[in-house]
Amino acid sequence: MRVAKFAAVLMAAIGSSFVIPALAKLPPLSDDAKAKAAETAAKTAWSDKVASFQLCKAMNKAAASYQAAVKQGGKTAPTPVDTPACADPGPYVSPTAASAPAPATAAATPPKK
């Protein structure tokens, strides 16, 4: 009985030693850290769109292959279900580069003397 009580107190002490540091307040993120987090989120979203596009193309290819195999077997293939076209996300464009001001361009005509 004493051992069980000691074990319970010991476990409570060990558990609280992990909880207290977790409740500590962290300093606010710097602007650079916020920008980096936004960049990472944008790149992840773009990567997800690329993966969806590649999956869509692979599914279309598999469906076409199935339809051809069924027709080659002399059977009638079921009518395909209409789905939206695969949307290519295009190349990655950084949101910070898109929102940054354009660099100053040189004058179109040389200055007059």
Protein backbone atom coordinates (compact mmCIF):
# COMPACT_ATOMS: atom_id res chain seq x y z
CA MET A 1 0.00 0.00 0.00
CA ARG A 2 2.82 2.39 0.85
CA VAL A 3 4.60 1.56 -2.39
CA ALA A 4 1.50 2.32 -4.44
CA LYS A 5 1.04 5.68 -2.70
CA PHE A 6 4.72 6.53 -3.23
CA ALA A 7 4.47 5.55 -6.90
CA ALA A 8 1.39 7.76 -7.36
CA VAL A 9 3.14 10.77 -5.79
CA LEU A 10 6.26 10.11 -7.87
CA MET A 11 4.24 9.89 -11.09
CA ALA A 12 2.42 13.14 -10.25
CA ALA A 13 5.74 14.90 -9.66
CA ILE A 14 7.20 13.60 -12.92
CA GLY A 15 4.04 14.49 -14.84
CA SER A 16 3.96 18.04 -13.51
CA SER A 17 7.59 18.55 -14.48
CA PHE A 18 6.53 18.07 -18.12
CA VAL A 19 3.41 20.23 -17.89
CA ILE A 20 4.95 23.35 -16.36
CA PRO A 21 7.50 23.98 -19.19
CA ALA A 22 4.72 23.45 -21.74
CA LEU A 23 2.74 26.31 -20.19
CA ALA A 24 5.61 28.78 -20.54
CA LYS A 25 4.85 31.72 -22.83
CA LEU A 26 6.88 31.87 -26.01
CA PRO A 27 8.07 35.18 -27.43
CA PRO A 28 6.18 36.52 -30.45
CA LEU A 29 7.46 35.56 -33.89
CA SER A 30 9.67 38.01 -35.72
CA ASP A 31 8.65 39.39 -39.10
CA ASP A 32 11.25 37.17 -40.79
CA ALA A 33 9.85 34.08 -39.09
CA LYS A 34 6.31 35.05 -40.10
CA ALA A 35 7.41 35.57 -43.70
CA LYS A 36 9.21 32.24 -43.73
CA ALA A 37 6.12 30.49 -42.32
CA ALA A 38 3.93 32.12 -44.98
CA GLU A 39 6.41 31.07 -47.68
CA THR A 40 6.40 27.49 -46.39
CA ALA A 41 2.59 27.41 -46.28
CA ALA A 42 2.37 28.73 -49.85
CA LYS A 43 4.90 26.21 -51.10
CA THR A 44 3.05 23.37 -49.35
CA ALA A 45 -0.26 24.47 -50.89
CA TRP A 46 1.34 24.60 -54.34
CA SER A 47 2.89 21.14 -53.83
CA ASP A 48 -0.56 19.80 -52.89
CA LYS A 49 -2.01 21.26 -56.11
CA VAL A 50 0.79 19.67 -58.17
CA ALA A 51 0.16 16.31 -56.50
CA SER A 52 -3.58 16.58 -57.22
CA PHE A 53 -2.86 17.46 -60.85
CA GLN A 54 -0.53 14.47 -61.25
CA LEU A 55 -3.08 12.18 -59.60
CA CYS A 56 -5.82 13.48 -61.90
CA LYS A 57 -3.67 12.77 -64.98
CA ALA A 58 -2.82 9.28 -63.71
CA MET A 59 -6.50 8.49 -63.05
CA ASN A 60 -7.46 9.68 -66.55
CA LYS A 61 -4.73 7.51 -68.06
CA ALA A 62 -5.87 4.47 -66.04
CA ALA A 63 -9.50 5.04 -67.04
CA ALA A 64 -8.56 5.33 -70.73
CA SER A 65 -6.49 2.16 -70.48
CA TYR A 66 -9.40 0.33 -68.83
CA GLN A 67 -11.85 1.54 -71.46
CA ALA A 68 -9.51 0.39 -74.26
CA ALA A 69 -9.03 -3.03 -72.63
CA VAL A 70 -12.77 -3.52 -72.23
CA LYS A 71 -13.42 -2.55 -75.85
CA GLN A 72 -10.62 -4.82 -77.02
CA GLY A 73 -12.26 -7.69 -75.13
CA GLY A 74 -15.40 -7.18 -77.18
CA LYS A 75 -17.51 -5.83 -74.35
CA THR A 76 -19.18 -2.47 -74.06
CA ALA A 77 -17.46 -0.16 -71.64
CA PRO A 78 -19.61 1.65 -69.08
CA THR A 79 -20.13 5.32 -69.79
CA PRO A 80 -17.55 7.42 -67.96
CA VAL A 81 -18.64 9.84 -65.28
CA ASP A 82 -18.13 13.50 -66.11
CA THR A 83 -15.42 15.00 -63.94
CA PRO A 84 -13.79 18.43 -63.99
CA ALA A 85 -10.73 18.79 -66.16
CA CYS A 86 -7.31 18.47 -64.55
CA ALA A 87 -6.09 21.95 -63.57
CA ASP A 88 -2.35 22.52 -63.98
CA PRO A 89 -1.15 24.77 -61.13
CA GLY A 90 1.75 26.10 -63.20
CA PRO A 91 5.17 26.97 -61.85
CA TYR A 92 5.63 28.02 -58.23
CA VAL A 93 5.49 31.76 -57.64
CA SER A 94 6.58 33.02 -54.24
CA PRO A 95 3.93 35.23 -52.61
CA THR A 96 6.65 37.52 -51.27
CA ALA A 97 8.11 37.95 -54.76
CA ALA A 98 4.67 38.70 -56.17
CA SER A 99 3.92 41.33 -53.52
CA ALA A 100 7.39 42.92 -53.53
CA PRO A 101 7.68 46.21 -55.39
CA ALA A 102 9.20 46.02 -58.84
CA PRO A 103 12.81 47.22 -59.05
CA ALA A 104 13.37 50.66 -60.47
CA THR A 105 13.97 50.55 -64.21
CA ALA A 106 16.50 52.61 -66.07
CA ALA A 107 15.27 55.65 -67.93
CA ALA A 108 14.02 54.84 -71.43
CA THR A 109 15.83 57.82 -72.97
CA PRO A 110 19.24 59.10 -71.99
CA PRO A 111 19.33 62.47 -70.24
CA LYS A 112 19.79 65.53 -72.49
CA LYS A 113 23.01 67.49 -72.28
